[in-house]
Amino acid sequence: MFNIKYLEYFIVSADMGSFSKAATVLYTTQSNISKGIKTLEEYVGDALFVRKAKGIALTPQGKHVYKYASRIMEDMGALRDFTKNSREKWIHIVTNPSSWVADRFVEFYNLHSQENFHWRILTGSVEYIMRRVADYKDELGLVYVMEGKKASFQYMLSRNHLEFTSLAQAEPMIYLGKGHSQDLTETDMQNLRFVQGYRDAFSQSDHWIIPNGKEEERSHRDVAVVTNSDYIMERLLLNSQMANISTNYLTDDEHRIVADGIPLHRSGDQGQKDDAVFFGYLKREKEALSKWAQAFISYMQEVLG
């Protein structure tokens, strides 16, 4: 009889390269692991592992099964989370890494800290956010979208049955790390090293220039660090000579960690509207937001004025 646990035995065995190590990790016996793998091999009708002098390795068929087994186990985990969370009052949000969003959430939470609700907030790329909201893993996604990318963004929204509402328009900025002068030249721009968010809109658009600057040469920026952590990005800007291209703060915050940025234009497109960056939220089509997700959006709208 097939048991979903056999998929876990299979995945961990493949990851560890050993049945005995998998048994240790899963707090079971090697005989149980071997029995589960054998049952799974009979189920798919092919060998999943080859035995080697030092451990085991996946067969070509095993590599295909590993991909689908991993997806099944991920979905099972999401299902367990869903059933657990349905018994409690949870709001799930996913957002691009953003200090501004983090500050707004802290303010909102403090205003409603006595309410009996639980919040889960994750960060990731726009593609990651779309996938999670479309798969019902999160209710609300907060994203920054460049005007020049809006056509492809709308296409992906349509494919995933999502809708986007813009809340504010932001401006591309360069933020300079420790020791840099605010009197930045085009030559300085070419010599900077950058820290950028993982697959953010700004890391995917290579050519930026200072307004009224003369673009002598189009060159790729030296992105030395890629991270999905706003904390790491801010610490690098505070304590190194790195720079970052992102957006201005959407409101005048009193406790900014980094200094004011310098406005930028996309190379070759000075003064054109595709320099603009839109901040807003996405959700599933024709589905109303829950009370507290809508309350959070309303709070941000109030702050944005």
C-alpha atoms as a PDB file:
ATOM      1  CA  MET A   1       0.000   0.000   0.000  1.00  0.00           C
ATOM      2  CA  PHE A   2       1.363   3.404  -1.042  1.00  0.00           C
ATOM      3  CA  ASN A   3       1.984   5.923   1.758  1.00  0.00           C
ATOM      4  CA  ILE A   4       2.734   9.634   1.295  1.00  0.00           C
ATOM      5  CA  LYS A   5       5.547   9.160   3.824  1.00  0.00           C
ATOM      6  CA  TYR A   6       7.426   7.131   1.198  1.00  0.00           C
ATOM      7  CA  LEU A   7       7.829  10.320  -0.835  1.00  0.00           C
ATOM      8  CA  GLU A   8       9.535  11.918   2.152  1.00  0.00           C
ATOM      9  CA  TYR A   9      11.808   8.865   2.503  1.00  0.00           C
ATOM     10  CA  PHE A  10      12.678   9.159  -1.189  1.00  0.00           C
ATOM     11  CA  ILE A  11      13.388  12.928  -1.152  1.00  0.00           C
ATOM     12  CA  VAL A  12      15.564  12.825   1.982  1.00  0.00           C
ATOM     13  CA  SER A  13      17.465   9.766   0.715  1.00  0.00           C
ATOM     14  CA  ALA A  14      18.205  11.589  -2.541  1.00  0.00           C
ATOM     15  CA  ASP A  15      19.281  14.728  -0.669  1.00  0.00           C
ATOM     16  CA  MET A  16      21.533  12.817   1.731  1.00  0.00           C
ATOM     17  CA  GLY A  17      22.887  10.346  -0.845  1.00  0.00           C
ATOM     18  CA  SER A  18      22.417   7.562   1.686  1.00  0.00           C
ATOM     19  CA  PHE A  19      19.583   5.437   3.070  1.00  0.00           C
ATOM     20  CA  SER A  20      21.242   5.188   6.486  1.00  0.00           C
ATOM     21  CA  LYS A  21      21.709   8.977   6.740  1.00  0.00           C
ATOM     22  CA  ALA A  22      18.096   9.490   5.667  1.00  0.00           C
ATOM     23  CA  ALA A  23      16.969   7.110   8.409  1.00  0.00           C
ATOM     24  CA  THR A  24      18.926   9.138  10.980  1.00  0.00           C
ATOM     25  CA  VAL A  25      17.437  12.432   9.779  1.00  0.00           C
ATOM     26  CA  LEU A  26      13.875  11.033   9.774  1.00  0.00           C
ATOM     27  CA  TYR A  27      14.207   9.177  13.104  1.00  0.00           C
ATOM     28  CA  THR A  28      13.343   5.806  11.599  1.00  0.00           C
ATOM     29  CA  THR A  29      15.179   2.629  10.611  1.00  0.00           C
ATOM     30  CA  GLN A  30      17.067   1.934   7.408  1.00  0.00           C
ATOM     31  CA  SER A  31      14.794  -1.059   6.772  1.00  0.00           C
ATOM     32  CA  ASN A  32      11.756   1.248   6.824  1.00  0.00           C
ATOM     33  CA  ILE A  33      13.481   3.570   4.344  1.00  0.00           C
ATOM     34  CA  SER A  34      14.375   0.666   2.035  1.00  0.00           C
ATOM     35  CA  LYS A  35      10.845  -0.735   2.231  1.00  0.00           C
ATOM     36  CA  GLY A  36       9.351   2.653   1.376  1.00  0.00           C
ATOM     37  CA  ILE A  37      11.713   3.172  -1.571  1.00  0.00           C
ATOM     38  CA  LYS A  38      10.965  -0.330  -2.909  1.00  0.00           C
ATOM     39  CA  THR A  39       7.213   0.307  -2.715  1.00  0.00           C
ATOM     40  CA  LEU A  40       7.657   3.614  -4.523  1.00  0.00           C
ATOM     41  CA  GLU A  41       9.762   1.968  -7.243  1.00  0.00           C
ATOM     42  CA  GLU A  42       7.044  -0.652  -7.752  1.00  0.00           C
ATOM     43  CA  TYR A  43       4.464   2.134  -7.952  1.00  0.00           C
ATOM     44  CA  VAL A  44       6.315   4.050 -10.712  1.00  0.00           C
ATOM     45  CA  GLY A  45       7.534   0.862 -12.404  1.00  0.00           C
ATOM     46  CA  ASP A  46      11.222   1.732 -12.532  1.00  0.00           C
ATOM     47  CA  ALA A  47      14.363   1.952 -10.405  1.00  0.00           C
ATOM     48  CA  LEU A  48      14.848   5.310  -8.692  1.00  0.00           C
ATOM     49  CA  PHE A  49      18.381   4.871  -7.337  1.00  0.00           C
ATOM     50  CA  VAL A  50      21.625   3.279  -8.396  1.00  0.00           C
ATOM     51  CA  ARG A  51      23.859   1.926  -5.663  1.00  0.00           C
ATOM     52  CA  LYS A  52      27.454   3.134  -5.678  1.00  0.00           C
ATOM     53  CA  ALA A  53      30.543   2.376  -3.633  1.00  0.00           C
ATOM     54  CA  LYS A  54      29.850   5.472  -1.554  1.00  0.00           C
ATOM     55  CA  GLY A  55      26.101   5.902  -1.190  1.00  0.00           C
ATOM     56  CA  ILE A  56      23.346   6.177  -3.773  1.00  0.00           C
ATOM     57  CA  ALA A  57      22.454   8.376  -6.747  1.00  0.00           C
ATOM     58  CA  LEU A  58      19.244   9.085  -8.631  1.00  0.00           C
ATOM     59  CA  THR A  59      18.573   7.325 -11.926  1.00  0.00           C
ATOM     60  CA  PRO A  60      17.286   9.444 -14.861  1.00  0.00           C
ATOM     61  CA  GLN A  61      13.759   8.310 -13.953  1.00  0.00           C
ATOM     62  CA  GLY A  62      14.493   9.058 -10.309  1.00  0.00           C
ATOM     63  CA  LYS A  63      15.364  12.662 -11.193  1.00  0.00           C
ATOM     64  CA  HIS A  64      11.940  13.116 -12.818  1.00  0.00           C
ATOM     65  CA  VAL A  65      10.169  11.544  -9.844  1.00  0.00           C
ATOM     66  CA  TYR A  66      12.182  13.745  -7.463  1.00  0.00           C
ATOM     67  CA  LYS A  67      10.869  16.883  -9.172  1.00  0.00           C
ATOM     68  CA  TYR A  68       7.224  15.809  -8.869  1.00  0.00           C
ATOM     69  CA  ALA A  69       7.637  14.341  -5.386  1.00  0.00           C
ATOM     70  CA  SER A  70       9.103  17.642  -4.151  1.00  0.00           C
ATOM     71  CA  ARG A  71       6.145  19.524  -5.602  1.00  0.00           C
ATOM     72  CA  ILE A  72       3.679  17.118  -3.957  1.00  0.00           C
ATOM     73  CA  MET A  73       5.355  17.467  -0.556  1.00  0.00           C
ATOM     74  CA  GLU A  74       5.388  21.268  -0.876  1.00  0.00           C
ATOM     75  CA  ASP A  75       1.666  21.258  -1.690  1.00  0.00           C
ATOM     76  CA  MET A  76       0.989  18.907   1.237  1.00  0.00           C
ATOM     77  CA  GLY A  77       2.803  21.324   3.535  1.00  0.00           C
ATOM     78  CA  ALA A  78       0.727  24.211   2.195  1.00  0.00           C
ATOM     79  CA  LEU A  79      -2.430  22.164   2.758  1.00  0.00           C
ATOM     80  CA  ARG A  80      -1.435  21.469   6.375  1.00  0.00           C
ATOM     81  CA  ASP A  81      -0.766  25.179   6.889  1.00  0.00           C
ATOM     82  CA  PHE A  82      -4.108  26.047   5.319  1.00  0.00           C
ATOM     83  CA  THR A  83      -6.111  23.688   7.524  1.00  0.00           C
ATOM     84  CA  LYS A  84      -4.223  24.837  10.625  1.00  0.00           C
ATOM     85  CA  ASN A  85      -4.656  28.496   9.783  1.00  0.00           C
ATOM     86  CA  SER A  86      -8.340  28.072   8.959  1.00  0.00           C
ATOM     87  CA  ARG A  87      -8.905  27.274  12.628  1.00  0.00           C
ATOM     88  CA  GLU A  88      -7.251  30.558  13.607  1.00  0.00           C
ATOM     89  CA  LYS A  89      -7.532  34.129  12.371  1.00  0.00           C
ATOM     90  CA  TRP A  90      -4.597  34.558   9.998  1.00  0.00           C
ATOM     91  CA  ILE A  91      -3.774  37.142   7.323  1.00  0.00           C
ATOM     92  CA  HIS A  92      -1.087  36.149   4.813  1.00  0.00           C
ATOM     93  CA  ILE A  93       0.792  38.894   2.941  1.00  0.00           C
ATOM     94  CA  VAL A  94       3.766  38.722   0.586  1.00  0.00           C
ATOM     95  CA  THR A  95       5.715  41.810  -0.498  1.00  0.00           C
ATOM     96  CA  ASN A  96       8.782  43.009  -2.352  1.00  0.00           C
ATOM     97  CA  PRO A  97      11.502  43.733   0.229  1.00  0.00           C
ATOM     98  CA  SER A  98      10.701  47.286   1.327  1.00  0.00           C
ATOM     99  CA  SER A  99      11.599  49.264   4.435  1.00  0.00           C
ATOM    100  CA  TRP A 100       8.673  51.569   3.705  1.00  0.00           C
ATOM    101  CA  VAL A 101       6.183  48.674   3.748  1.00  0.00           C
ATOM    102  CA  ALA A 102       7.834  47.291   6.899  1.00  0.00           C
ATOM    103  CA  ASP A 103       7.436  50.630   8.686  1.00  0.00           C
ATOM    104  CA  ARG A 104       3.778  50.887   7.653  1.00  0.00           C
ATOM    105  CA  PHE A 105       3.061  47.361   8.876  1.00  0.00           C
ATOM    106  CA  VAL A 106       4.655  48.032  12.273  1.00  0.00           C
ATOM    107  CA  GLU A 107       2.551  51.184  12.652  1.00  0.00           C
ATOM    108  CA  PHE A 108      -0.614  49.351  11.628  1.00  0.00           C
ATOM    109  CA  TYR A 109       0.100  46.412  13.919  1.00  0.00           C
ATOM    110  CA  ASN A 110       0.683  48.687  16.901  1.00  0.00           C
ATOM    111  CA  LEU A 111      -2.659  50.373  16.255  1.00  0.00           C
ATOM    112  CA  HIS A 112      -4.430  46.994  16.343  1.00  0.00           C
ATOM    113  CA  SER A 113      -2.159  44.919  18.584  1.00  0.00           C
ATOM    114  CA  GLN A 114      -5.015  44.055  20.923  1.00  0.00           C
ATOM    115  CA  GLU A 115      -6.983  42.358  18.153  1.00  0.00           C
ATOM    116  CA  ASN A 116      -6.919  38.560  18.149  1.00  0.00           C
ATOM    117  CA  PHE A 117      -5.342  38.121  14.701  1.00  0.00           C
ATOM    118  CA  HIS A 118      -2.143  36.530  13.428  1.00  0.00           C
ATOM    119  CA  TRP A 119      -0.087  37.833  10.525  1.00  0.00           C
ATOM    120  CA  ARG A 120       2.431  36.158   8.242  1.00  0.00           C
ATOM    121  CA  ILE A 121       4.506  38.405   5.965  1.00  0.00           C
ATOM    122  CA  LEU A 122       7.035  37.035   3.465  1.00  0.00           C
ATOM    123  CA  THR A 123       9.229  38.847   0.938  1.00  0.00           C
ATOM    124  CA  GLY A 124      10.242  37.942  -2.588  1.00  0.00           C
ATOM    125  CA  SER A 125      10.374  38.915  -6.260  1.00  0.00           C
ATOM    126  CA  VAL A 126       7.321  39.977  -8.262  1.00  0.00           C
ATOM    127  CA  GLU A 127       7.195  36.538  -9.908  1.00  0.00           C
ATOM    128  CA  TYR A 128       7.327  34.839  -6.499  1.00  0.00           C
ATOM    129  CA  ILE A 129       4.544  37.083  -5.197  1.00  0.00           C
ATOM    130  CA  MET A 130       2.309  36.366  -8.191  1.00  0.00           C
ATOM    131  CA  ARG A 131       2.805  32.633  -7.821  1.00  0.00           C
ATOM    132  CA  ARG A 132       2.006  32.606  -4.101  1.00  0.00           C
ATOM    133  CA  VAL A 133      -1.154  34.699  -4.453  1.00  0.00           C
ATOM    134  CA  ALA A 134      -2.348  32.689  -7.478  1.00  0.00           C
ATOM    135  CA  ASP A 135      -1.752  29.437  -5.553  1.00  0.00           C
ATOM    136  CA  TYR A 136      -3.802  30.675  -2.560  1.00  0.00           C
ATOM    137  CA  LYS A 137      -0.740  30.662  -0.308  1.00  0.00           C
ATOM    138  CA  ASP A 138      -1.123  34.390   0.354  1.00  0.00           C
ATOM    139  CA  GLU A 139      -4.111  36.679   0.138  1.00  0.00           C
ATOM    140  CA  LEU A 140      -2.381  39.937  -0.704  1.00  0.00           C
ATOM    141  CA  GLY A 141       0.784  40.866  -2.602  1.00  0.00           C
ATOM    142  CA  LEU A 142       2.551  44.258  -2.448  1.00  0.00           C
ATOM    143  CA  VAL A 143       4.773  45.065  -5.426  1.00  0.00           C
ATOM    144  CA  TYR A 144       6.756  47.775  -7.200  1.00  0.00           C
ATOM    145  CA  VAL A 145       6.363  47.732 -11.002  1.00  0.00           C
ATOM    146  CA  MET A 146       8.271  49.846 -13.525  1.00  0.00           C
ATOM    147  CA  GLU A 147       6.214  51.576 -16.201  1.00  0.00           C
ATOM    148  CA  GLY A 148       8.384  50.024 -18.898  1.00  0.00           C
ATOM    149  CA  LYS A 149       7.571  46.525 -17.581  1.00  0.00           C
ATOM    150  CA  LYS A 150       3.858  47.109 -17.152  1.00  0.00           C
ATOM    151  CA  ALA A 151       2.749  45.384 -20.385  1.00  0.00           C
ATOM    152  CA  SER A 152       4.475  42.104 -19.490  1.00  0.00           C
ATOM    153  CA  PHE A 153       3.281  42.514 -15.890  1.00  0.00           C
ATOM    154  CA  GLN A 154      -0.338  42.847 -17.040  1.00  0.00           C
ATOM    155  CA  TYR A 155       0.068  39.777 -19.232  1.00  0.00           C
ATOM    156  CA  MET A 156       1.279  37.712 -16.268  1.00  0.00           C
ATOM    157  CA  LEU A 157      -1.572  39.040 -14.132  1.00  0.00           C
ATOM    158  CA  SER A 158      -4.066  37.880 -16.739  1.00  0.00           C
ATOM    159  CA  ARG A 159      -2.488  34.435 -17.033  1.00  0.00           C
ATOM    160  CA  ASN A 160      -2.643  33.948 -13.270  1.00  0.00           C
ATOM    161  CA  HIS A 161      -6.157  35.448 -12.850  1.00  0.00           C
ATOM    162  CA  LEU A 162      -4.872  38.287 -10.695  1.00  0.00           C
ATOM    163  CA  GLU A 163      -5.622  41.995 -10.594  1.00  0.00           C
ATOM    164  CA  PHE A 164      -3.403  44.936  -9.614  1.00  0.00           C
ATOM    165  CA  THR A 165      -4.399  48.224  -7.978  1.00  0.00           C
ATOM    166  CA  SER A 166      -1.875  51.078  -7.972  1.00  0.00           C
ATOM    167  CA  LEU A 167      -1.572  53.012  -4.704  1.00  0.00           C
ATOM    168  CA  ALA A 168       1.253  55.434  -5.472  1.00  0.00           C
ATOM    169  CA  GLN A 169       3.862  56.431  -8.007  1.00  0.00           C
ATOM    170  CA  ALA A 170       7.502  56.353  -6.952  1.00  0.00           C
ATOM    171  CA  GLU A 171      10.712  57.697  -8.466  1.00  0.00           C
ATOM    172  CA  PRO A 172      13.880  55.724  -9.270  1.00  0.00           C
ATOM    173  CA  MET A 173      16.739  56.781  -7.002  1.00  0.00           C
ATOM    174  CA  ILE A 174      20.352  55.870  -6.376  1.00  0.00           C
ATOM    175  CA  TYR A 175      21.378  55.554  -2.715  1.00  0.00           C
ATOM    176  CA  LEU A 176      25.074  55.926  -1.981  1.00  0.00           C
ATOM    177  CA  GLY A 177      26.950  54.081   0.719  1.00  0.00           C
ATOM    178  CA  LYS A 178      29.496  55.293   3.189  1.00  0.00           C
ATOM    179  CA  GLY A 179      32.025  57.893   2.065  1.00  0.00           C
ATOM    180  CA  HIS A 180      30.465  58.918  -1.257  1.00  0.00           C
ATOM    181  CA  SER A 181      29.811  62.509  -2.244  1.00  0.00           C
ATOM    182  CA  GLN A 182      26.266  63.451  -3.256  1.00  0.00           C
ATOM    183  CA  ASP A 183      27.815  65.259  -6.269  1.00  0.00           C
ATOM    184  CA  LEU A 184      27.721  62.157  -8.424  1.00  0.00           C
ATOM    185  CA  THR A 185      28.959  62.189 -12.035  1.00  0.00           C
ATOM    186  CA  GLU A 186      28.334  59.741 -14.874  1.00  0.00           C
ATOM    187  CA  THR A 187      31.928  58.517 -14.517  1.00  0.00           C
ATOM    188  CA  ASP A 188      31.322  57.907 -10.807  1.00  0.00           C
ATOM    189  CA  MET A 189      28.215  55.878 -11.724  1.00  0.00           C
ATOM    190  CA  GLN A 190      30.273  53.562 -13.916  1.00  0.00           C
ATOM    191  CA  ASN A 191      32.786  52.923 -11.135  1.00  0.00           C
ATOM    192  CA  LEU A 192      30.279  52.093  -8.389  1.00  0.00           C
ATOM    193  CA  ARG A 193      29.591  48.611  -7.045  1.00  0.00           C
ATOM    194  CA  PHE A 194      25.960  47.851  -6.265  1.00  0.00           C
ATOM    195  CA  VAL A 195      23.864  45.803  -3.886  1.00  0.00           C
ATOM    196  CA  GLN A 196      20.478  44.952  -5.393  1.00  0.00           C
ATOM    197  CA  GLY A 197      17.385  43.022  -4.381  1.00  0.00           C
ATOM    198  CA  TYR A 198      16.969  39.537  -5.797  1.00  0.00           C
ATOM    199  CA  ARG A 199      15.296  39.830  -9.226  1.00  0.00           C
ATOM    200  CA  ASP A 200      13.869  43.266  -8.477  1.00  0.00           C
ATOM    201  CA  ALA A 201      12.867  45.669 -11.247  1.00  0.00           C
ATOM    202  CA  PHE A 202      16.026  47.721 -10.785  1.00  0.00           C
ATOM    203  CA  SER A 203      18.483  44.843 -11.006  1.00  0.00           C
ATOM    204  CA  GLN A 204      16.867  43.852 -14.325  1.00  0.00           C
ATOM    205  CA  SER A 205      17.255  47.296 -15.921  1.00  0.00           C
ATOM    206  CA  ASP A 206      20.954  47.895 -16.447  1.00  0.00           C
ATOM    207  CA  HIS A 207      21.209  51.401 -17.830  1.00  0.00           C
ATOM    208  CA  TRP A 208      20.514  54.410 -15.632  1.00  0.00           C
ATOM    209  CA  ILE A 209      21.799  57.955 -15.811  1.00  0.00           C
ATOM    210  CA  ILE A 210      21.575  61.075 -13.672  1.00  0.00           C
ATOM    211  CA  PRO A 211      19.046  63.670 -14.928  1.00  0.00           C
ATOM    212  CA  ASN A 212      20.764  66.240 -17.166  1.00  0.00           C
ATOM    213  CA  GLY A 213      23.889  64.105 -17.189  1.00  0.00           C
ATOM    214  CA  LYS A 214      25.668  63.215 -20.412  1.00  0.00           C
ATOM    215  CA  GLU A 215      25.744  59.545 -21.185  1.00  0.00           C
ATOM    216  CA  GLU A 216      29.146  58.961 -22.715  1.00  0.00           C
ATOM    217  CA  GLU A 217      29.038  55.184 -22.698  1.00  0.00           C
ATOM    218  CA  ARG A 218      26.438  52.527 -21.973  1.00  0.00           C
ATOM    219  CA  SER A 219      27.896  50.055 -19.532  1.00  0.00           C
ATOM    220  CA  HIS A 220      26.492  47.359 -17.281  1.00  0.00           C
ATOM    221  CA  ARG A 221      26.455  48.125 -13.595  1.00  0.00           C
ATOM    222  CA  ASP A 222      28.679  46.063 -11.335  1.00  0.00           C
ATOM    223  CA  VAL A 223      26.117  44.321  -9.126  1.00  0.00           C
ATOM    224  CA  ALA A 224      28.441  42.795  -6.540  1.00  0.00           C
ATOM    225  CA  VAL A 225      25.805  41.618  -4.034  1.00  0.00           C
ATOM    226  CA  VAL A 226      22.288  40.297  -4.672  1.00  0.00           C
ATOM    227  CA  THR A 227      20.051  39.774  -1.645  1.00  0.00           C
ATOM    228  CA  ASN A 228      16.396  39.389  -0.679  1.00  0.00           C
ATOM    229  CA  SER A 229      17.125  40.996   2.692  1.00  0.00           C
ATOM    230  CA  ASP A 230      16.433  44.687   3.190  1.00  0.00           C
ATOM    231  CA  TYR A 231      18.445  44.452   6.425  1.00  0.00           C
ATOM    232  CA  ILE A 232      21.599  43.287   4.614  1.00  0.00           C
ATOM    233  CA  MET A 233      21.124  45.953   1.952  1.00  0.00           C
ATOM    234  CA  GLU A 234      20.777  48.733   4.516  1.00  0.00           C
ATOM    235  CA  ARG A 235      23.785  47.544   6.514  1.00  0.00           C
ATOM    236  CA  LEU A 236      25.938  47.500   3.384  1.00  0.00           C
ATOM    237  CA  LEU A 237      24.859  51.043   2.553  1.00  0.00           C
ATOM    238  CA  LEU A 238      25.610  52.170   6.092  1.00  0.00           C
ATOM    239  CA  ASN A 239      28.974  50.456   6.431  1.00  0.00           C
ATOM    240  CA  SER A 240      30.484  50.120   2.952  1.00  0.00           C
ATOM    241  CA  GLN A 241      30.974  52.108  -0.235  1.00  0.00           C
ATOM    242  CA  MET A 242      28.342  50.165  -2.156  1.00  0.00           C
ATOM    243  CA  ALA A 243      25.322  51.794  -3.819  1.00  0.00           C
ATOM    244  CA  ASN A 244      21.755  50.732  -4.521  1.00  0.00           C
ATOM    245  CA  ILE A 245      19.143  51.668  -7.095  1.00  0.00           C
ATOM    246  CA  SER A 246      15.548  51.482  -5.882  1.00  0.00           C
ATOM    247  CA  THR A 247      12.724  53.979  -5.281  1.00  0.00           C
ATOM    248  CA  ASN A 248      12.288  57.000  -3.087  1.00  0.00           C
ATOM    249  CA  TYR A 249      10.373  56.596   0.158  1.00  0.00           C
ATOM    250  CA  LEU A 250       6.695  57.082  -0.640  1.00  0.00           C
ATOM    251  CA  THR A 251       6.178  59.388   2.338  1.00  0.00           C
ATOM    252  CA  ASP A 252       8.456  61.572   4.479  1.00  0.00           C
ATOM    253  CA  ASP A 253       9.676  59.168   7.159  1.00  0.00           C
ATOM    254  CA  GLU A 254      11.449  60.496  10.217  1.00  0.00           C
ATOM    255  CA  HIS A 255      13.784  57.562  10.787  1.00  0.00           C
ATOM    256  CA  ARG A 256      15.348  56.714   7.457  1.00  0.00           C
ATOM    257  CA  ILE A 257      18.344  54.460   7.752  1.00  0.00           C
ATOM    258  CA  VAL A 258      20.091  55.728   4.615  1.00  0.00           C
ATOM    259  CA  ALA A 259      20.555  59.272   3.359  1.00  0.00           C
ATOM    260  CA  ASP A 260      18.403  60.897   0.694  1.00  0.00           C
ATOM    261  CA  GLY A 261      18.915  59.418  -2.739  1.00  0.00           C
ATOM    262  CA  ILE A 262      19.674  61.029  -6.102  1.00  0.00           C
ATOM    263  CA  PRO A 263      16.965  60.846  -8.806  1.00  0.00           C
ATOM    264  CA  LEU A 264      17.716  58.761 -11.918  1.00  0.00           C
ATOM    265  CA  HIS A 265      16.397  58.237 -15.434  1.00  0.00           C
ATOM    266  CA  ARG A 266      16.600  55.133 -17.553  1.00  0.00           C
ATOM    267  CA  SER A 267      19.401  55.416 -20.082  1.00  0.00           C
ATOM    268  CA  GLY A 268      18.242  56.911 -23.367  1.00  0.00           C
ATOM    269  CA  ASP A 269      14.771  57.653 -22.024  1.00  0.00           C
ATOM    270  CA  GLN A 270      15.237  60.902 -20.123  1.00  0.00           C
ATOM    271  CA  GLY A 271      11.961  62.541 -19.264  1.00  0.00           C
ATOM    272  CA  GLN A 272       9.844  59.685 -20.540  1.00  0.00           C
ATOM    273  CA  LYS A 273       7.097  58.206 -18.439  1.00  0.00           C
ATOM    274  CA  ASP A 274       8.561  54.699 -18.322  1.00  0.00           C
ATOM    275  CA  ASP A 275      10.957  56.000 -15.668  1.00  0.00           C
ATOM    276  CA  ALA A 276       8.009  55.860 -13.260  1.00  0.00           C
ATOM    277  CA  VAL A 277       7.613  53.076 -10.717  1.00  0.00           C
ATOM    278  CA  PHE A 278       4.153  52.118  -9.478  1.00  0.00           C
ATOM    279  CA  PHE A 279       3.552  50.742  -6.006  1.00  0.00           C
ATOM    280  CA  GLY A 280       0.367  48.815  -5.345  1.00  0.00           C
ATOM    281  CA  TYR A 281      -1.227  45.522  -4.420  1.00  0.00           C
ATOM    282  CA  LEU A 282      -2.362  42.451  -6.284  1.00  0.00           C
ATOM    283  CA  LYS A 283      -4.993  39.909  -5.365  1.00  0.00           C
ATOM    284  CA  ARG A 284      -6.996  37.167  -7.022  1.00  0.00           C
ATOM    285  CA  GLU A 285      -9.579  38.336  -9.553  1.00  0.00           C
ATOM    286  CA  LYS A 286     -13.134  38.912  -8.354  1.00  0.00           C
ATOM    287  CA  GLU A 287     -12.284  37.985  -4.756  1.00  0.00           C
ATOM    288  CA  ALA A 288     -12.815  40.507  -1.994  1.00  0.00           C
ATOM    289  CA  LEU A 289     -10.034  40.992   0.528  1.00  0.00           C
ATOM    290  CA  SER A 290     -10.651  39.907   4.086  1.00  0.00           C
ATOM    291  CA  LYS A 291     -11.505  42.550   6.660  1.00  0.00           C
ATOM    292  CA  TRP A 292      -7.975  42.962   8.014  1.00  0.00           C
ATOM    293  CA  ALA A 293      -6.174  42.768   4.678  1.00  0.00           C
ATOM    294  CA  GLN A 294      -8.460  45.535   3.437  1.00  0.00           C
ATOM    295  CA  ALA A 295      -7.872  47.476   6.657  1.00  0.00           C
ATOM    296  CA  PHE A 296      -4.100  47.329   6.045  1.00  0.00           C
ATOM    297  CA  ILE A 297      -4.549  48.577   2.459  1.00  0.00           C
ATOM    298  CA  SER A 298      -6.839  51.359   3.694  1.00  0.00           C
ATOM    299  CA  TYR A 299      -4.229  52.380   6.259  1.00  0.00           C
ATOM    300  CA  MET A 300      -1.548  52.658   3.573  1.00  0.00           C
ATOM    301  CA  GLN A 301      -3.919  54.694   1.379  1.00  0.00           C
ATOM    302  CA  GLU A 302      -4.507  57.040   4.326  1.00  0.00           C
ATOM    303  CA  VAL A 303      -0.754  57.440   4.907  1.00  0.00           C
ATOM    304  CA  LEU A 304      -0.134  58.061   1.220  1.00  0.00           C
ATOM    305  CA  GLY A 305      -2.826  60.728   1.235  1.00  0.00           C
END
